């Protein structure tokens, strides 16, 4: 490990990671409660029939989609901060804005669940994903430019691979938004593709395996 990796220059990253984990845990909990609470607290309806439960299906699917997407962003943040050795004021605020847009996901997810085929709600959901991905990309780009917040000997191939993978998120969300102008059924399905692309192993995973074998 380089001497700079253990340097006290800059600010530690532990509190940033702790805050991030706390926000993710809170947002995931809010997502769960947004599905459960309205139906647990409402009065029983004896006339309820299976077709009446159809709207609930979209709410549950929206919750599941957003929960998995939050998991994707949490993993992405974990990977980014695996390479970051220290922080500074600008990186902390980039991370704060990343968390700001993470906190909006329960709202845009609820709108998507209630109005799944409305172009406006799909656009808002897509913009939310773009904002989160853009802030994560900005954090990684800023930390790695001139290697000033990462190890100076960090392989540029890892940096480029990580940047491309993070940037793929906003690109996919942008395509989903554009598809809303053609067909909202297709665009809704494209949002499901979003987390799948990141759950599948990417090039950066191969770098990790090489490091483990080295």
Foldseek 3Di string as FASTA:
>chain_A
DDPVLPDVPAAACPVVLVVVVVLLVVLLVLLVCVLPVVVVPDDDDPVDDVVNCVLSVLSVVLSVLLNLVSVLLNVLLVVLVVFFRHHHDVLSVLSVQLSVLNNCSSVLSNVCSNVVLDLVSLLVNLVSQLSNLVSSLVSSCVCPVCVPRGPNPPDVVLSVQSSVVSNVRNVLSVVLSVCSVPGSVVSSVSSSVRSVSSVDDDPNVVVVVVVVVD
